[in-house]
Amino acid sequence: MKILLLGAGGLLGRYLTREFADHGLTALTRGEADITRGDRLDELFAPRWDAVINAAAICDFDACEKDPEGTRRVNRDAPLELARRCDAQGALFVQYTSDYVFAGDGGRLYTEEDAPRPLSVYGRHKADLEKLVPDLCPRSLLLRVSWVYGLGGKTFMSRLPDLLSAPGILHTAAGKKGCCLYAADGALWTRRLVEAGSTGLFNLVNSGETSWEEFARAALAEMISRGPAPGCTGIEEVPYTRFGPGWTKRPARSGLDPGRLAALFPPGPRPWREALGAYLGEWKSVAAPRTV
């Protein structure tokens, strides 16, 4: 297969680069391929691709709220143009979306059949992709992810091992529940779906709902069991609304049900605790040499 990966320098993009290394992959970072430039897209689509994976996005929530038009070019308009170009070539188009398409006021996990109701600019851009991409490119694969974490990431869950290693009390946002995704698993399941030629919308998360506080406590317990003991002496929750007014636009409970993916590839993504253990093993293999 000839596969083009855009956004290879981001958190998920780095894991995708590793996962698709033996698949005729051309992996480009944002600096190498600005997806908002039509002339650059002309160059990129001069060859024919079997699949194009777009992992390029502005995931900074506050940046999207402050500059809705500027971030719209990257998070909405450019992916729609990629979808058009993939359709013209007959290529599979893979696009990531987010749990932020939901308001987070439901009492159960969201499925692919639930209607989006975003609260934020970022969520609206992703909801537009879910609605418009299938019409522009019927041979498309939309993967809805949530709370993605991994080595070198800037998210809370990505930074958690380092945060727990420091002495003192760790404060986490209370009142937020959802599902998480270890980026290595996100890349693995993307590959499996691409290899199978799957299309449509899939919730792509590790199975099971959790909270930031529960995830942090599970990470702390795992790090203690692996040794040496981290510096963190306790975990305290702070109402997430106290982190700033923008937090009210983040869904409070936005867990995703990966049942459709599990039905296609039983038993589906592994539980989040198992994935967390794998991440801590990866983190320790990299962190240990730094502390010698």
Protein backbone atom coordinates (compact mmCIF):
# COMPACT_ATOMS: atom_id res chain seq x y z
CA MET A 1 0.00 0.00 0.00
CA LYS A 2 1.02 3.61 -0.57
CA ILE A 3 -0.02 5.62 2.49
CA LEU A 4 0.33 9.34 3.14
CA LEU A 5 0.35 10.38 6.81
CA LEU A 6 -0.12 14.06 7.62
CA GLY A 7 0.62 15.43 11.07
CA ALA A 8 3.37 12.89 11.73
CA GLY A 9 5.00 15.13 14.33
CA GLY A 10 2.04 15.13 16.71
CA LEU A 11 1.36 12.71 19.55
CA LEU A 12 -0.79 10.27 17.61
CA GLY A 13 1.18 10.92 14.43
CA ARG A 14 4.41 9.65 16.00
CA TYR A 15 2.80 6.38 17.01
CA LEU A 16 1.16 6.05 13.58
CA THR A 17 4.54 6.52 11.93
CA ARG A 18 5.89 3.60 13.92
CA GLU A 19 2.82 1.41 13.33
CA PHE A 20 2.74 1.91 9.54
CA ALA A 21 6.51 1.78 9.03
CA ASP A 22 6.28 -1.32 6.81
CA HIS A 23 3.32 -0.10 4.74
CA GLY A 24 4.92 2.08 2.08
CA LEU A 25 4.44 5.07 4.33
CA THR A 26 5.23 8.70 3.55
CA ALA A 27 5.01 10.51 6.90
CA LEU A 28 5.09 14.31 6.92
CA THR A 29 5.10 16.76 9.81
CA ARG A 30 3.27 20.08 9.88
CA GLY A 31 6.49 21.84 8.86
CA GLU A 32 6.82 19.55 5.86
CA ALA A 33 3.19 19.68 4.79
CA ASP A 34 0.92 22.58 5.70
CA ILE A 35 -2.53 21.16 4.90
CA THR A 36 -4.05 24.65 4.63
CA ARG A 37 -1.98 25.46 1.52
CA GLY A 38 -3.62 24.46 -1.74
CA ASP A 39 -0.35 24.55 -3.68
CA ARG A 40 1.23 22.13 -1.23
CA LEU A 41 -1.76 19.81 -1.51
CA ASP A 42 -1.36 19.88 -5.29
CA GLU A 43 2.19 18.59 -4.83
CA LEU A 44 1.18 15.98 -2.28
CA PHE A 45 -1.59 14.57 -4.43
CA ALA A 46 0.44 14.43 -7.63
CA PRO A 47 1.19 10.78 -6.77
CA ARG A 48 -1.74 8.44 -6.23
CA TRP A 49 -2.31 7.09 -2.73
CA ASP A 50 -4.12 4.04 -1.47
CA ALA A 51 -4.87 5.78 1.81
CA VAL A 52 -4.38 9.23 3.33
CA ILE A 53 -4.35 9.52 7.13
CA ASN A 54 -4.85 13.00 8.55
CA ALA A 55 -3.52 13.32 12.08
CA ALA A 56 -2.89 17.06 11.70
CA ALA A 57 -5.00 19.25 13.98
CA ILE A 58 -4.94 22.10 16.45
CA CYS A 59 -5.92 20.38 19.69
CA ASP A 60 -5.31 23.40 21.92
CA PHE A 61 -8.82 23.99 23.26
CA ASP A 62 -8.22 27.61 24.29
CA ALA A 63 -6.62 28.45 20.95
CA CYS A 64 -9.75 27.26 19.15
CA GLU A 65 -11.97 29.39 21.38
CA LYS A 66 -9.81 32.50 20.87
CA ASP A 67 -9.36 32.09 17.11
CA PRO A 68 -12.30 30.13 15.70
CA GLU A 69 -11.68 31.20 12.09
CA GLY A 70 -7.95 30.55 12.13
CA THR A 71 -8.25 27.13 13.73
CA ARG A 72 -11.19 26.28 11.49
CA ARG A 73 -8.82 26.28 8.49
CA VAL A 74 -6.80 23.47 10.04
CA ASN A 75 -9.48 21.53 11.92
CA ARG A 76 -12.35 21.74 9.44
CA ASP A 77 -11.68 23.29 6.03
CA ALA A 78 -8.40 21.54 5.24
CA PRO A 79 -9.70 18.05 6.15
CA LEU A 80 -12.73 18.62 3.94
CA GLU A 81 -10.40 19.50 1.06
CA LEU A 82 -8.38 16.36 1.77
CA ALA A 83 -11.59 14.35 1.60
CA ARG A 84 -12.41 15.81 -1.82
CA ARG A 85 -8.96 14.99 -3.15
CA CYS A 86 -9.05 11.46 -1.77
CA ASP A 87 -12.41 10.88 -3.44
CA ALA A 88 -11.02 12.08 -6.76
CA GLN A 89 -8.20 9.53 -6.44
CA GLY A 90 -10.28 6.71 -5.03
CA ALA A 91 -8.09 6.73 -1.91
CA LEU A 92 -9.29 5.83 1.56
CA PHE A 93 -9.43 8.96 3.73
CA VAL A 94 -8.83 8.52 7.47
CA GLN A 95 -9.82 11.42 9.73
CA TYR A 96 -9.85 11.68 13.52
CA THR A 97 -12.66 13.32 15.42
CA SER A 98 -13.40 13.75 19.12
CA ASP A 99 -15.68 13.09 22.07
CA TYR A 100 -16.02 16.88 22.20
CA VAL A 101 -18.76 16.59 19.57
CA PHE A 102 -21.03 15.82 22.55
CA ALA A 103 -22.36 18.05 25.32
CA GLY A 104 -21.48 15.46 27.95
CA ASP A 105 -24.79 15.66 29.81
CA GLY A 106 -25.95 12.10 29.14
CA GLY A 107 -26.02 9.26 31.61
CA ARG A 108 -24.39 6.58 29.45
CA LEU A 109 -21.60 5.99 26.97
CA TYR A 110 -22.14 7.58 23.57
CA THR A 111 -22.45 5.40 20.48
CA GLU A 112 -21.91 6.22 16.82
CA GLU A 113 -25.69 6.65 16.44
CA ASP A 114 -25.96 9.46 18.98
CA ALA A 115 -26.43 12.92 17.50
CA PRO A 116 -23.57 15.35 18.18
CA ARG A 117 -24.27 18.46 20.25
CA PRO A 118 -20.97 20.27 20.70
CA LEU A 119 -20.43 23.05 23.22
CA SER A 120 -17.14 24.42 21.91
CA VAL A 121 -15.46 25.67 18.75
CA TYR A 122 -13.23 22.60 18.67
CA GLY A 123 -16.24 20.33 19.07
CA ARG A 124 -18.19 22.09 16.32
CA HIS A 125 -15.31 21.70 13.87
CA LYS A 126 -15.12 17.97 14.60
CA ALA A 127 -18.90 17.57 14.38
CA ASP A 128 -18.83 19.22 10.95
CA LEU A 129 -16.26 16.66 9.79
CA GLU A 130 -18.43 13.77 10.97
CA LYS A 131 -21.36 15.20 9.02
CA LEU A 132 -19.65 16.36 5.83
CA VAL A 133 -16.72 14.01 5.15
CA PRO A 134 -18.84 10.94 4.23
CA ASP A 135 -20.65 12.92 1.52
CA LEU A 136 -17.40 14.29 0.08
CA CYS A 137 -15.58 10.95 0.25
CA PRO A 138 -17.80 7.90 0.77
CA ARG A 139 -14.64 5.80 1.12
CA SER A 140 -13.72 7.44 4.41
CA LEU A 141 -12.92 6.23 7.90
CA LEU A 142 -13.81 8.55 10.78
CA LEU A 143 -12.26 7.62 14.11
CA ARG A 144 -13.68 9.34 17.19
CA VAL A 145 -11.04 9.44 19.91
CA SER A 146 -10.94 10.74 23.48
CA TRP A 147 -8.33 11.66 26.11
CA VAL A 148 -5.41 10.54 23.96
CA TYR A 149 -2.14 10.09 25.83
CA GLY A 150 1.33 8.81 25.08
CA LEU A 151 5.05 9.45 25.30
CA GLY A 152 5.98 13.06 24.65
CA GLY A 153 2.37 14.24 24.71
CA LYS A 154 1.24 17.50 26.30
CA THR A 155 -2.05 16.21 27.70
CA PHE A 156 -2.60 15.66 31.41
CA MET A 157 -2.61 11.89 31.03
CA SER A 158 0.54 11.97 28.91
CA ARG A 159 2.38 14.03 31.54
CA LEU A 160 0.99 12.08 34.48
CA PRO A 161 4.04 9.84 35.14
CA ASP A 162 6.27 12.92 35.34
CA LEU A 163 3.74 14.76 37.50
CA LEU A 164 3.49 11.82 39.89
CA SER A 165 7.26 11.53 40.06
CA ALA A 166 7.52 15.02 41.56
CA PRO A 167 7.09 15.47 45.34
CA GLY A 168 3.89 16.92 46.74
CA ILE A 169 0.15 16.72 46.14
CA LEU A 170 -1.21 16.27 42.63
CA HIS A 171 -4.43 18.16 41.88
CA THR A 172 -6.80 16.74 39.27
CA ALA A 173 -10.02 18.04 37.78
CA ALA A 174 -13.06 16.60 39.54
CA GLY A 175 -16.35 15.90 37.85
CA LYS A 176 -14.94 14.76 34.51
CA LYS A 177 -15.66 11.24 33.32
CA GLY A 178 -14.92 9.67 29.98
CA CYS A 179 -12.81 7.18 28.09
CA CYS A 180 -9.13 7.36 27.26
CA LEU A 181 -6.91 6.10 24.46
CA TYR A 182 -3.27 5.09 24.65
CA ALA A 183 -1.83 6.47 21.41
CA ALA A 184 -0.07 3.17 20.68
CA ASP A 185 -3.47 1.45 20.71
CA GLY A 186 -4.96 4.21 18.57
CA ALA A 187 -2.27 3.57 15.95
CA LEU A 188 -2.71 -0.21 16.14
CA TRP A 189 -6.46 -0.08 15.61
CA THR A 190 -6.11 2.48 12.84
CA ARG A 191 -3.81 0.05 11.03
CA ARG A 192 -6.19 -2.87 11.50
CA LEU A 193 -9.11 -0.86 10.13
CA VAL A 194 -7.10 0.45 7.18
CA GLU A 195 -5.85 -3.03 6.32
CA ALA A 196 -9.43 -4.31 6.44
CA GLY A 197 -10.62 -1.52 4.14
CA SER A 198 -13.18 -0.45 6.75
CA THR A 199 -15.22 2.72 6.29
CA GLY A 200 -17.65 4.68 8.40
CA LEU A 201 -17.57 6.11 11.92
CA PHE A 202 -15.99 4.22 14.83
CA ASN A 203 -15.50 5.14 18.47
CA LEU A 204 -11.83 4.39 19.09
CA VAL A 205 -10.99 4.28 22.81
CA ASN A 206 -9.72 1.76 25.32
CA SER A 207 -12.70 0.05 26.90
CA GLY A 208 -14.17 1.21 30.18
CA GLU A 209 -15.13 4.60 31.58
CA THR A 210 -12.92 6.40 34.08
CA SER A 211 -12.26 9.81 35.61
CA TRP A 212 -9.09 11.89 35.79
CA GLU A 213 -8.85 11.17 39.52
CA GLU A 214 -9.32 7.41 39.10
CA PHE A 215 -6.82 7.31 36.23
CA ALA A 216 -4.27 9.22 38.32
CA ARG A 217 -4.73 6.93 41.33
CA ALA A 218 -4.38 3.85 39.13
CA ALA A 219 -1.18 5.28 37.64
CA LEU A 220 0.21 6.08 41.09
CA ALA A 221 -0.54 2.57 42.38
CA GLU A 222 1.08 1.02 39.31
CA MET A 223 4.18 3.19 39.63
CA ILE A 224 4.53 2.28 43.32
CA SER A 225 4.27 -1.43 42.49
CA ARG A 226 6.91 -1.13 39.79
CA GLY A 227 9.25 0.93 42.00
CA PRO A 228 10.95 3.04 42.93
CA ALA A 229 8.22 4.92 44.76
CA PRO A 230 7.28 8.21 43.05
CA GLY A 231 7.46 11.51 44.90
CA CYS A 232 3.71 12.19 44.87
CA THR A 233 2.24 11.95 48.37
CA GLY A 234 -1.43 12.28 47.50
CA ILE A 235 -4.05 13.15 44.90
CA GLU A 236 -6.74 15.76 45.45
CA GLU A 237 -9.64 16.70 43.20
CA VAL A 238 -10.50 20.27 42.29
CA PRO A 239 -13.83 21.10 40.57
CA TYR A 240 -12.95 21.48 36.91
CA THR A 241 -15.04 24.65 36.67
CA ARG A 242 -12.41 26.34 38.86
CA PHE A 243 -9.79 25.88 36.15
CA GLY A 244 -11.32 28.73 34.16
CA PRO A 245 -14.48 29.77 32.30
CA GLY A 246 -13.50 27.82 29.19
CA TRP A 247 -13.84 24.56 31.09
CA THR A 248 -17.62 24.89 31.11
CA LYS A 249 -17.49 24.23 27.36
CA ARG A 250 -15.72 20.91 27.87
CA PRO A 251 -18.09 17.93 28.16
CA ALA A 252 -18.28 16.73 31.77
CA ARG A 253 -19.14 13.13 30.84
CA SER A 254 -18.30 12.12 27.30
CA GLY A 255 -17.43 8.42 27.46
CA LEU A 256 -17.50 6.57 24.14
CA ASP A 257 -18.74 3.04 23.55
CA PRO A 258 -16.31 1.11 21.30
CA GLY A 259 -18.87 -1.64 20.71
CA ARG A 260 -18.92 -1.23 16.92
CA LEU A 261 -15.18 -1.74 16.76
CA ALA A 262 -15.40 -4.70 19.15
CA ALA A 263 -18.07 -6.31 16.97
CA LEU A 264 -15.81 -6.04 13.92
CA PHE A 265 -12.65 -7.22 15.71
CA PRO A 266 -13.63 -9.13 18.88
CA PRO A 267 -12.98 -8.47 21.69
CA GLY A 268 -12.04 -4.94 20.65
CA PRO A 269 -9.65 -2.48 22.34
CA ARG A 270 -8.12 -3.60 25.63
CA PRO A 271 -9.31 -2.12 28.95
CA TRP A 272 -7.89 1.25 29.93
CA ARG A 273 -6.08 -0.11 33.00
CA GLU A 274 -4.18 -2.59 30.85
CA ALA A 275 -3.29 0.14 28.35
CA LEU A 276 -2.15 2.41 31.19
CA GLY A 277 0.21 -0.31 32.41
CA ALA A 278 1.69 -0.60 28.92
CA TYR A 279 2.21 3.16 28.77
CA LEU A 280 3.91 3.27 32.15
CA GLY A 281 6.23 0.50 30.97
CA GLU A 282 7.09 2.53 27.87
CA TRP A 283 7.56 5.69 29.95
CA LYS A 284 9.82 3.94 32.43
CA SER A 285 12.02 2.52 29.68
CA VAL A 286 12.66 6.07 28.52
CA ALA A 287 12.63 7.83 31.90
CA ALA A 288 15.01 5.41 33.63
CA PRO A 289 18.08 6.40 31.56
CA ARG A 290 17.40 10.07 32.32
CA THR A 291 17.61 9.46 36.06
CA VAL A 292 20.87 7.44 36.05
